[in-house]
Amino acid sequence: MNELDVALICKALGDANRLEIVKMLSDGEKCGCRLLERFSITQPTLSHHMKTLVDCGLVNDRKQGKWHYYSLNPEALSFLRTFLDELVCKEPTEGKGGCCQ
């Protein structure tokens, strides 16, 4: 994964429904029908949200019969966490580092 992947994940998480879906998946795999029960959205809308989450790599999709089962991708979560942990706001050294001084 790289910064482009992080950008796609962040864009995918920019929707409240998708954030809630990720939260729901944090305790394990769920069938799409279970996810749909939680929201006041149509099945095509849920499919759109799930496609966005799968396409960015944050969610895995497994089909069994006519049902889709979704789970979080631990590798993507680990990469995202590492990326965010590396974002540190450092105090500039006095008299150095600022372009507007």
PDB file of N, CA and C in Angstrom:
ATOM      1  N   MET A   1       0.850  -1.187   0.000  1.00  0.00           N
ATOM      2  CA  MET A   1       0.000   0.000   0.000  1.00  0.00           C
ATOM      3  C   MET A   1       0.887   1.238   0.000  1.00  0.00           C
ATOM      4  N   ASN A   2       0.314   2.335  -0.487  1.00  0.00           N
ATOM      5  CA  ASN A   2       1.058   3.585  -0.523  1.00  0.00           C
ATOM      6  C   ASN A   2       0.125   4.746  -0.178  1.00  0.00           C
ATOM      7  N   GLU A   3       0.616   5.968  -0.351  1.00  0.00           N
ATOM      8  CA  GLU A   3      -0.172   7.144   0.012  1.00  0.00           C
ATOM      9  C   GLU A   3      -1.455   7.254  -0.811  1.00  0.00           C
ATOM     10  N   LEU A   4      -1.412   6.817  -2.070  1.00  0.00           N
ATOM     11  CA  LEU A   4      -2.620   6.838  -2.891  1.00  0.00           C
ATOM     12  C   LEU A   4      -3.689   5.934  -2.288  1.00  0.00           C
ATOM     13  N   ASP A   5      -3.269   4.770  -1.794  1.00  0.00           N
ATOM     14  CA  ASP A   5      -4.210   3.861  -1.144  1.00  0.00           C
ATOM     15  C   ASP A   5      -4.815   4.496   0.097  1.00  0.00           C
ATOM     16  N   VAL A   6      -4.007   5.198   0.871  1.00  0.00           N
ATOM     17  CA  VAL A   6      -4.506   5.884   2.068  1.00  0.00           C
ATOM     18  C   VAL A   6      -5.521   6.945   1.666  1.00  0.00           C
ATOM     19  N   ALA A   7      -5.234   7.665   0.596  1.00  0.00           N
ATOM     20  CA  ALA A   7      -6.169   8.688   0.124  1.00  0.00           C
ATOM     21  C   ALA A   7      -7.503   8.066  -0.268  1.00  0.00           C
ATOM     22  N   LEU A   8      -7.476   6.923  -0.944  1.00  0.00           N
ATOM     23  CA  LEU A   8      -8.715   6.246  -1.332  1.00  0.00           C
ATOM     24  C   LEU A   8      -9.497   5.775  -0.108  1.00  0.00           C
ATOM     25  N   ILE A   9      -8.779   5.264   0.894  1.00  0.00           N
ATOM     26  CA  ILE A   9      -9.437   4.832   2.126  1.00  0.00           C
ATOM     27  C   ILE A   9     -10.068   6.023   2.833  1.00  0.00           C
ATOM     28  N   CYS A  10      -9.327   7.120   2.934  1.00  0.00           N
ATOM     29  CA  CYS A  10      -9.861   8.315   3.595  1.00  0.00           C
ATOM     30  C   CYS A  10     -11.095   8.836   2.858  1.00  0.00           C
ATOM     31  N   LYS A  11     -11.050   8.817   1.534  1.00  0.00           N
ATOM     32  CA  LYS A  11     -12.207   9.254   0.752  1.00  0.00           C
ATOM     33  C   LYS A  11     -13.400   8.334   1.020  1.00  0.00           C
ATOM     34  N   ALA A  12     -13.150   7.025   1.065  1.00  0.00           N
ATOM     35  CA  ALA A  12     -14.227   6.070   1.342  1.00  0.00           C
ATOM     36  C   ALA A  12     -14.820   6.296   2.724  1.00  0.00           C
ATOM     37  N   LEU A  13     -13.991   6.664   3.683  1.00  0.00           N
ATOM     38  CA  LEU A  13     -14.469   6.871   5.052  1.00  0.00           C
ATOM     39  C   LEU A  13     -15.089   8.246   5.247  1.00  0.00           C
ATOM     40  N   GLY A  14     -15.161   9.033   4.177  1.00  0.00           N
ATOM     41  CA  GLY A  14     -15.754  10.363   4.248  1.00  0.00           C
ATOM     42  C   GLY A  14     -17.273  10.347   4.243  1.00  0.00           C
ATOM     43  N   ASP A  15     -17.871   9.193   4.341  1.00  0.00           N
ATOM     44  CA  ASP A  15     -19.322   9.057   4.368  1.00  0.00           C
ATOM     45  C   ASP A  15     -19.730   8.418   5.693  1.00  0.00           C
ATOM     46  N   ALA A  16     -20.710   9.001   6.362  1.00  0.00           N
ATOM     47  CA  ALA A  16     -21.122   8.517   7.685  1.00  0.00           C
ATOM     48  C   ALA A  16     -21.624   7.075   7.643  1.00  0.00           C
ATOM     49  N   ASN A  17     -22.347   6.700   6.591  1.00  0.00           N
ATOM     50  CA  ASN A  17     -22.825   5.318   6.502  1.00  0.00           C
ATOM     51  C   ASN A  17     -21.656   4.348   6.385  1.00  0.00           C
ATOM     52  N   ARG A  18     -20.649   4.693   5.583  1.00  0.00           N
ATOM     53  CA  ARG A  18     -19.507   3.802   5.436  1.00  0.00           C
ATOM     54  C   ARG A  18     -18.694   3.724   6.727  1.00  0.00           C
ATOM     55  N   LEU A  19     -18.608   4.810   7.460  1.00  0.00           N
ATOM     56  CA  LEU A  19     -17.946   4.754   8.770  1.00  0.00           C
ATOM     57  C   LEU A  19     -18.677   3.793   9.697  1.00  0.00           C
ATOM     58  N   GLU A  20     -19.996   3.849   9.692  1.00  0.00           N
ATOM     59  CA  GLU A  20     -20.797   2.956  10.537  1.00  0.00           C
ATOM     60  C   GLU A  20     -20.633   1.507  10.096  1.00  0.00           C
ATOM     61  N   ILE A  21     -20.570   1.273   8.787  1.00  0.00           N
ATOM     62  CA  ILE A  21     -20.360  -0.084   8.278  1.00  0.00           C
ATOM     63  C   ILE A  21     -19.024  -0.619   8.771  1.00  0.00           C
ATOM     64  N   VAL A  22     -17.975   0.178   8.680  1.00  0.00           N
ATOM     65  CA  VAL A  22     -16.653  -0.249   9.148  1.00  0.00           C
ATOM     66  C   VAL A  22     -16.708  -0.554  10.640  1.00  0.00           C
ATOM     67  N   LYS A  23     -17.392   0.288  11.389  1.00  0.00           N
ATOM     68  CA  LYS A  23     -17.540   0.047  12.830  1.00  0.00           C
ATOM     69  C   LYS A  23     -18.258  -1.276  13.084  1.00  0.00           C
ATOM     70  N   MET A  24     -19.311  -1.547  12.324  1.00  0.00           N
ATOM     71  CA  MET A  24     -20.050  -2.803  12.479  1.00  0.00           C
ATOM     72  C   MET A  24     -19.168  -4.013  12.158  1.00  0.00           C
ATOM     73  N   LEU A  25     -18.305  -3.871  11.157  1.00  0.00           N
ATOM     74  CA  LEU A  25     -17.448  -4.984  10.750  1.00  0.00           C
ATOM     75  C   LEU A  25     -16.271  -5.188  11.700  1.00  0.00           C
ATOM     76  N   SER A  26     -16.053  -4.248  12.606  1.00  0.00           N
ATOM     77  CA  SER A  26     -14.900  -4.360  13.508  1.00  0.00           C
ATOM     78  C   SER A  26     -15.015  -5.546  14.465  1.00  0.00           C
ATOM     79  N   ASP A  27     -16.220  -6.083  14.640  1.00  0.00           N
ATOM     80  CA  ASP A  27     -16.350  -7.261  15.513  1.00  0.00           C
ATOM     81  C   ASP A  27     -16.555  -8.551  14.722  1.00  0.00           C
ATOM     82  N   GLY A  28     -16.264  -8.505  13.417  1.00  0.00           N
ATOM     83  CA  GLY A  28     -16.299  -9.736  12.630  1.00  0.00           C
ATOM     84  C   GLY A  28     -17.111  -9.624  11.355  1.00  0.00           C
ATOM     85  N   GLU A  29     -17.012 -10.674  10.562  1.00  0.00           N
ATOM     86  CA  GLU A  29     -17.665 -10.748   9.261  1.00  0.00           C
ATOM     87  C   GLU A  29     -19.178 -10.638   9.398  1.00  0.00           C
ATOM     88  N   LYS A  30     -19.785  -9.931   8.441  1.00  0.00           N
ATOM     89  CA  LYS A  30     -21.243  -9.764   8.436  1.00  0.00           C
ATOM     90  C   LYS A  30     -21.771 -10.003   7.027  1.00  0.00           C
ATOM     91  N   CYS A  31     -22.946 -10.584   6.956  1.00  0.00           N
ATOM     92  CA  CYS A  31     -23.667 -10.742   5.700  1.00  0.00           C
ATOM     93  C   CYS A  31     -24.244  -9.374   5.313  1.00  0.00           C
ATOM     94  N   GLY A  32     -24.303  -9.119   4.019  1.00  0.00           N
ATOM     95  CA  GLY A  32     -24.871  -7.860   3.553  1.00  0.00           C
ATOM     96  C   GLY A  32     -26.280  -7.630   4.078  1.00  0.00           C
ATOM     97  N   CYS A  33     -27.055  -8.712   4.235  1.00  0.00           N
ATOM     98  CA  CYS A  33     -28.426  -8.565   4.735  1.00  0.00           C
ATOM     99  C   CYS A  33     -28.426  -8.031   6.167  1.00  0.00           C
ATOM    100  N   ARG A  34     -27.448  -8.410   6.970  1.00  0.00           N
ATOM    101  CA  ARG A  34     -27.355  -7.908   8.361  1.00  0.00           C
ATOM    102  C   ARG A  34     -26.976  -6.424   8.371  1.00  0.00           C
ATOM    103  N   LEU A  35     -26.097  -6.046   7.463  1.00  0.00           N
ATOM    104  CA  LEU A  35     -25.714  -4.635   7.375  1.00  0.00           C
ATOM    105  C   LEU A  35     -26.917  -3.803   6.956  1.00  0.00           C
ATOM    106  N   LEU A  36     -27.683  -4.304   6.010  1.00  0.00           N
ATOM    107  CA  LEU A  36     -28.832  -3.569   5.492  1.00  0.00           C
ATOM    108  C   LEU A  36     -29.885  -3.332   6.571  1.00  0.00           C
ATOM    109  N   GLU A  37     -30.021  -4.277   7.493  1.00  0.00           N
ATOM    110  CA  GLU A  37     -31.001  -4.136   8.581  1.00  0.00           C
ATOM    111  C   GLU A  37     -30.727  -2.903   9.430  1.00  0.00           C
ATOM    112  N   ARG A  38     -29.487  -2.503   9.509  1.00  0.00           N
ATOM    113  CA  ARG A  38     -29.072  -1.404  10.386  1.00  0.00           C
ATOM    114  C   ARG A  38     -29.378  -0.022   9.803  1.00  0.00           C
ATOM    115  N   PHE A  39     -29.539   0.056   8.482  1.00  0.00           N
ATOM    116  CA  PHE A  39     -29.660   1.344   7.820  1.00  0.00           C
ATOM    117  C   PHE A  39     -31.025   1.523   7.176  1.00  0.00           C
ATOM    118  N   SER A  40     -31.392   2.768   6.965  1.00  0.00           N
ATOM    119  CA  SER A  40     -32.628   3.103   6.244  1.00  0.00           C
ATOM    120  C   SER A  40     -32.248   3.451   4.804  1.00  0.00           C
ATOM    121  N   ILE A  41     -31.625   2.475   4.138  1.00  0.00           N
ATOM    122  CA  ILE A  41     -31.202   2.662   2.750  1.00  0.00           C
ATOM    123  C   ILE A  41     -31.646   1.453   1.934  1.00  0.00           C
ATOM    124  N   THR A  42     -31.631   1.603   0.631  1.00  0.00           N
ATOM    125  CA  THR A  42     -32.008   0.498  -0.247  1.00  0.00           C
ATOM    126  C   THR A  42     -30.829  -0.444  -0.438  1.00  0.00           C
ATOM    127  N   GLN A  43     -31.115  -1.631  -0.925  1.00  0.00           N
ATOM    128  CA  GLN A  43     -30.056  -2.609  -1.185  1.00  0.00           C
ATOM    129  C   GLN A  43     -29.067  -2.093  -2.229  1.00  0.00           C
ATOM    130  N   PRO A  44     -29.525  -1.430  -3.323  1.00  0.00           N
ATOM    131  CA  PRO A  44     -28.549  -0.884  -4.274  1.00  0.00           C
ATOM    132  C   PRO A  44     -27.625   0.174  -3.649  1.00  0.00           C
ATOM    133  N   THR A  45     -28.163   0.960  -2.727  1.00  0.00           N
ATOM    134  CA  THR A  45     -27.327   1.963  -2.049  1.00  0.00           C
ATOM    135  C   THR A  45     -26.288   1.281  -1.172  1.00  0.00           C
ATOM    136  N   LEU A  46     -26.693   0.225  -0.449  1.00  0.00           N
ATOM    137  CA  LEU A  46     -25.725  -0.529   0.352  1.00  0.00           C
ATOM    138  C   LEU A  46     -24.659  -1.131  -0.560  1.00  0.00           C
ATOM    139  N   SER A  47     -25.068  -1.675  -1.691  1.00  0.00           N
ATOM    140  CA  SER A  47     -24.102  -2.256  -2.633  1.00  0.00           C
ATOM    141  C   SER A  47     -23.096  -1.224  -3.095  1.00  0.00           C
ATOM    142  N   HIS A  48     -23.554   0.003  -3.335  1.00  0.00           N
ATOM    143  CA  HIS A  48     -22.645   1.084  -3.735  1.00  0.00           C
ATOM    144  C   HIS A  48     -21.627   1.365  -2.627  1.00  0.00           C
ATOM    145  N   HIS A  49     -22.109   1.458  -1.382  1.00  0.00           N
ATOM    146  CA  HIS A  49     -21.199   1.705  -0.259  1.00  0.00           C
ATOM    147  C   HIS A  49     -20.187   0.566  -0.125  1.00  0.00           C
ATOM    148  N   MET A  50     -20.658  -0.663  -0.246  1.00  0.00           N
ATOM    149  CA  MET A  50     -19.761  -1.810  -0.086  1.00  0.00           C
ATOM    150  C   MET A  50     -18.743  -1.867  -1.221  1.00  0.00           C
ATOM    151  N   LYS A  51     -19.144  -1.540  -2.430  1.00  0.00           N
ATOM    152  CA  LYS A  51     -18.208  -1.512  -3.553  1.00  0.00           C
ATOM    153  C   LYS A  51     -17.104  -0.486  -3.294  1.00  0.00           C
ATOM    154  N   THR A  52     -17.479   0.663  -2.772  1.00  0.00           N
ATOM    155  CA  THR A  52     -16.489   1.697  -2.458  1.00  0.00           C
ATOM    156  C   THR A  52     -15.492   1.191  -1.421  1.00  0.00           C
ATOM    157  N   LEU A  53     -15.988   0.535  -0.372  1.00  0.00           N
ATOM    158  CA  LEU A  53     -15.114   0.031   0.692  1.00  0.00           C
ATOM    159  C   LEU A  53     -14.243  -1.127   0.205  1.00  0.00           C
ATOM    160  N   VAL A  54     -14.788  -1.977  -0.648  1.00  0.00           N
ATOM    161  CA  VAL A  54     -14.016  -3.094  -1.200  1.00  0.00           C
ATOM    162  C   VAL A  54     -12.966  -2.574  -2.185  1.00  0.00           C
ATOM    163  N   ASP A  55     -13.363  -1.634  -3.050  1.00  0.00           N
ATOM    164  CA  ASP A  55     -12.441  -1.117  -4.067  1.00  0.00           C
ATOM    165  C   ASP A  55     -11.237  -0.406  -3.467  1.00  0.00           C
ATOM    166  N   CYS A  56     -11.405   0.241  -2.325  1.00  0.00           N
ATOM    167  CA  CYS A  56     -10.267   0.928  -1.708  1.00  0.00           C
ATOM    168  C   CYS A  56      -9.401  -0.035  -0.895  1.00  0.00           C
ATOM    169  N   GLY A  57      -9.856  -1.287  -0.740  1.00  0.00           N
ATOM    170  CA  GLY A  57      -9.063  -2.296  -0.049  1.00  0.00           C
ATOM    171  C   GLY A  57      -9.321  -2.429   1.431  1.00  0.00           C
ATOM    172  N   LEU A  58     -10.207  -1.620   1.968  1.00  0.00           N
ATOM    173  CA  LEU A  58     -10.460  -1.650   3.408  1.00  0.00           C
ATOM    174  C   LEU A  58     -11.328  -2.839   3.829  1.00  0.00           C
ATOM    175  N   VAL A  59     -12.171  -3.305   2.922  1.00  0.00           N
ATOM    176  CA  VAL A  59     -13.113  -4.394   3.233  1.00  0.00           C
ATOM    177  C   VAL A  59     -12.923  -5.536   2.240  1.00  0.00           C
ATOM    178  N   ASN A  60     -12.984  -6.753   2.749  1.00  0.00           N
ATOM    179  CA  ASN A  60     -12.962  -7.957   1.912  1.00  0.00           C
ATOM    180  C   ASN A  60     -14.395  -8.393   1.655  1.00  0.00           C
ATOM    181  N   ASP A  61     -14.619  -8.974   0.484  1.00  0.00           N
ATOM    182  CA  ASP A  61     -15.940  -9.445   0.070  1.00  0.00           C
ATOM    183  C   ASP A  61     -15.829 -10.930  -0.268  1.00  0.00           C
ATOM    184  N   ARG A  62     -16.714 -11.716   0.327  1.00  0.00           N
ATOM    185  CA  ARG A  62     -16.735 -13.154   0.050  1.00  0.00           C
ATOM    186  C   ARG A  62     -18.161 -13.529  -0.327  1.00  0.00           C
ATOM    187  N   LYS A  63     -18.313 -14.199  -1.455  1.00  0.00           N
ATOM    188  CA  LYS A  63     -19.648 -14.599  -1.892  1.00  0.00           C
ATOM    189  C   LYS A  63     -19.854 -16.076  -1.589  1.00  0.00           C
ATOM    190  N   GLN A  64     -20.992 -16.357  -0.981  1.00  0.00           N
ATOM    191  CA  GLN A  64     -21.375 -17.742  -0.682  1.00  0.00           C
ATOM    192  C   GLN A  64     -22.826 -17.893  -1.117  1.00  0.00           C
ATOM    193  N   GLY A  65     -23.032 -18.657  -2.193  1.00  0.00           N
ATOM    194  CA  GLY A  65     -24.372 -18.756  -2.752  1.00  0.00           C
ATOM    195  C   GLY A  65     -24.785 -17.399  -3.294  1.00  0.00           C
ATOM    196  N   LYS A  66     -25.952 -16.949  -2.894  1.00  0.00           N
ATOM    197  CA  LYS A  66     -26.409 -15.639  -3.358  1.00  0.00           C
ATOM    198  C   LYS A  66     -26.072 -14.515  -2.371  1.00  0.00           C
ATOM    199  N   TRP A  67     -25.417 -14.839  -1.278  1.00  0.00           N
ATOM    200  CA  TRP A  67     -25.123 -13.855  -0.237  1.00  0.00           C
ATOM    201  C   TRP A  67     -23.680 -13.375  -0.321  1.00  0.00           C
ATOM    202  N   HIS A  68     -23.488 -12.112   0.042  1.00  0.00           N
ATOM    203  CA  HIS A  68     -22.146 -11.537   0.149  1.00  0.00           C
ATOM    204  C   HIS A  68     -21.831 -11.346   1.628  1.00  0.00           C
ATOM    205  N   TYR A  69     -20.640 -11.735   2.006  1.00  0.00           N
ATOM    206  CA  TYR A  69     -20.165 -11.565   3.377  1.00  0.00           C
ATOM    207  C   TYR A  69     -18.980 -10.608   3.347  1.00  0.00           C
ATOM    208  N   TYR A  70     -18.977  -9.687   4.298  1.00  0.00           N
ATOM    209  CA  TYR A  70     -17.963  -8.635   4.322  1.00  0.00           C
ATOM    210  C   TYR A  70     -17.180  -8.680   5.631  1.00  0.00           C
ATOM    211  N   SER A  71     -15.904  -8.387   5.516  1.00  0.00           N
ATOM    212  CA  SER A  71     -15.035  -8.312   6.695  1.00  0.00           C
ATOM    213  C   SER A  71     -13.978  -7.248   6.453  1.00  0.00           C
ATOM    214  N   LEU A  72     -13.420  -6.742   7.529  1.00  0.00           N
ATOM    215  CA  LEU A  72     -12.350  -5.753   7.402  1.00  0.00           C
ATOM    216  C   LEU A  72     -11.066  -6.426   6.939  1.00  0.00           C
ATOM    217  N   ASN A  73     -10.282  -5.708   6.163  1.00  0.00           N
ATOM    218  CA  ASN A  73      -8.984  -6.183   5.699  1.00  0.00           C
ATOM    219  C   ASN A  73      -7.938  -5.747   6.726  1.00  0.00           C
ATOM    220  N   PRO A  74      -7.408  -6.671   7.531  1.00  0.00           N
ATOM    221  CA  PRO A  74      -6.481  -6.282   8.592  1.00  0.00           C
ATOM    222  C   PRO A  74      -5.195  -5.638   8.065  1.00  0.00           C
ATOM    223  N   GLU A  75      -4.748  -6.038   6.877  1.00  0.00           N
ATOM    224  CA  GLU A  75      -3.537  -5.438   6.320  1.00  0.00           C
ATOM    225  C   GLU A  75      -3.758  -3.965   5.991  1.00  0.00           C
ATOM    226  N   ALA A  76      -4.912  -3.637   5.419  1.00  0.00           N
ATOM    227  CA  ALA A  76      -5.225  -2.241   5.098  1.00  0.00           C
ATOM    228  C   ALA A  76      -5.362  -1.419   6.374  1.00  0.00           C
ATOM    229  N   LEU A  77      -6.003  -1.987   7.393  1.00  0.00           N
ATOM    230  CA  LEU A  77      -6.141  -1.278   8.665  1.00  0.00           C
ATOM    231  C   LEU A  77      -4.788  -1.025   9.304  1.00  0.00           C
ATOM    232  N   SER A  78      -3.918  -2.009   9.258  1.00  0.00           N
ATOM    233  CA  SER A  78      -2.579  -1.862   9.825  1.00  0.00           C
ATOM    234  C   SER A  78      -1.799  -0.782   9.093  1.00  0.00           C
ATOM    235  N   PHE A  79      -1.871  -0.785   7.757  1.00  0.00           N
ATOM    236  CA  PHE A  79      -1.161   0.230   6.983  1.00  0.00           C
ATOM    237  C   PHE A  79      -1.709   1.616   7.293  1.00  0.00           C
ATOM    238  N   LEU A  80      -3.032   1.751   7.364  1.00  0.00           N
ATOM    239  CA  LEU A  80      -3.649   3.035   7.675  1.00  0.00           C
ATOM    240  C   LEU A  80      -3.233   3.510   9.057  1.00  0.00           C
ATOM    241  N   ARG A  81      -3.227   2.609  10.020  1.00  0.00           N
ATOM    242  CA  ARG A  81      -2.821   2.973  11.380  1.00  0.00           C
ATOM    243  C   ARG A  81      -1.366   3.440  11.416  1.00  0.00           C
ATOM    244  N   THR A  82      -0.491   2.723  10.734  1.00  0.00           N
ATOM    245  CA  THR A  82       0.920   3.105  10.678  1.00  0.00           C
ATOM    246  C   THR A  82       1.072   4.480  10.038  1.00  0.00           C
ATOM    247  N   PHE A  83       0.363   4.690   8.935  1.00  0.00           N
ATOM    248  CA  PHE A  83       0.429   5.986   8.257  1.00  0.00           C
ATOM    249  C   PHE A  83      -0.007   7.106   9.191  1.00  0.00           C
ATOM    250  N   LEU A  84      -1.137   6.916   9.884  1.00  0.00           N
ATOM    251  CA  LEU A  84      -1.645   7.949  10.788  1.00  0.00           C
ATOM    252  C   LEU A  84      -0.726   8.158  11.990  1.00  0.00           C
ATOM    253  N   ASP A  85      -0.128   7.076  12.491  1.00  0.00           N
ATOM    254  CA  ASP A  85       0.795   7.194  13.624  1.00  0.00           C
ATOM    255  C   ASP A  85       2.038   8.011  13.267  1.00  0.00           C
ATOM    256  N   GLU A  86       2.401   7.998  11.987  1.00  0.00           N
ATOM    257  CA  GLU A  86       3.589   8.733  11.544  1.00  0.00           C
ATOM    258  C   GLU A  86       3.318  10.222  11.379  1.00  0.00           C
ATOM    259  N   LEU A  87       2.063  10.616  11.419  1.00  0.00           N
ATOM    260  CA  LEU A  87       1.725  12.036  11.309  1.00  0.00           C
ATOM    261  C   LEU A  87       1.898  12.689  12.676  1.00  0.00           C
ATOM    262  N   VAL A  88       2.965  13.426  12.810  1.00  0.00           N
ATOM    263  CA  VAL A  88       3.275  14.060  14.080  1.00  0.00           C
ATOM    264  C   VAL A  88       3.500  15.543  13.817  1.00  0.00           C
ATOM    265  N   CYS A  89       2.866  16.358  14.598  1.00  0.00           N
ATOM    266  CA  CYS A  89       3.058  17.792  14.482  1.00  0.00           C
ATOM    267  C   CYS A  89       4.206  18.188  15.400  1.00  0.00           C
ATOM    268  N   LYS A  90       5.317  18.565  14.790  1.00  0.00           N
ATOM    269  CA  LYS A  90       6.506  18.916  15.568  1.00  0.00           C
ATOM    270  C   LYS A  90       6.601  20.425  15.693  1.00  0.00           C
ATOM    271  N   GLU A  91       7.049  20.874  16.853  1.00  0.00           N
ATOM    272  CA  GLU A  91       7.266  22.290  17.080  1.00  0.00           C
ATOM    273  C   GLU A  91       8.497  22.726  16.300  1.00  0.00           C
ATOM    274  N   PRO A  92       8.414  23.837  15.570  1.00  0.00           N
ATOM    275  CA  PRO A  92       9.596  24.297  14.837  1.00  0.00           C
ATOM    276  C   PRO A  92      10.675  24.761  15.813  1.00  0.00           C
ATOM    277  N   THR A  93      11.913  24.513  15.426  1.00  0.00           N
ATOM    278  CA  THR A  93      13.041  25.005  16.223  1.00  0.00           C
ATOM    279  C   THR A  93      13.045  26.516  16.112  1.00  0.00           C
ATOM    280  N   GLU A  94      13.268  27.205  17.226  1.00  0.00           N
ATOM    281  CA  GLU A  94      13.200  28.651  17.255  1.00  0.00           C
ATOM    282  C   GLU A  94      14.121  29.257  16.199  1.00  0.00           C
ATOM    283  N   GLY A  95      13.526  30.084  15.350  1.00  0.00           N
ATOM    284  CA  GLY A  95      14.305  30.765  14.318  1.00  0.00           C
ATOM    285  C   GLY A  95      14.556  29.918  13.087  1.00  0.00           C
ATOM    286  N   LYS A  96      14.062  28.675  13.079  1.00  0.00           N
ATOM    287  CA  LYS A  96      14.286  27.796  11.936  1.00  0.00           C
ATOM    288  C   LYS A  96      12.975  27.161  11.494  1.00  0.00           C
ATOM    289  N   GLY A  97      12.948  26.789  10.255  1.00  0.00           N
ATOM    290  CA  GLY A  97      11.856  25.960   9.761  1.00  0.00           C
ATOM    291  C   GLY A  97      10.610  26.686   9.333  1.00  0.00           C
ATOM    292  N   GLY A  98      10.469  27.954   9.619  1.00  0.00           N
ATOM    293  CA  GLY A  98       9.276  28.650   9.203  1.00  0.00           C
ATOM    294  C   GLY A  98       9.564  29.537   8.008  1.00  0.00           C
ATOM    295  N   CYS A  99       8.703  29.496   7.019  1.00  0.00           N
ATOM    296  CA  CYS A  99       8.938  30.316   5.835  1.00  0.00           C
ATOM    297  C   CYS A  99       8.444  31.740   6.039  1.00  0.00           C
ATOM    298  N   CYS A 100       7.652  31.982   7.048  1.00  0.00           N
ATOM    299  CA  CYS A 100       7.038  33.283   7.243  1.00  0.00           C
ATOM    300  C   CYS A 100       7.620  34.021   8.438  1.00  0.00           C
ATOM    301  N   GLN A 101       8.841  33.734   8.780  1.00  0.00           N
ATOM    302  CA  GLN A 101       9.439  34.403   9.936  1.00  0.00           C
ATOM    303  C   GLN A 101      10.191  35.640   9.534  1.00  0.00           C
TER     304      GLN A 101
END
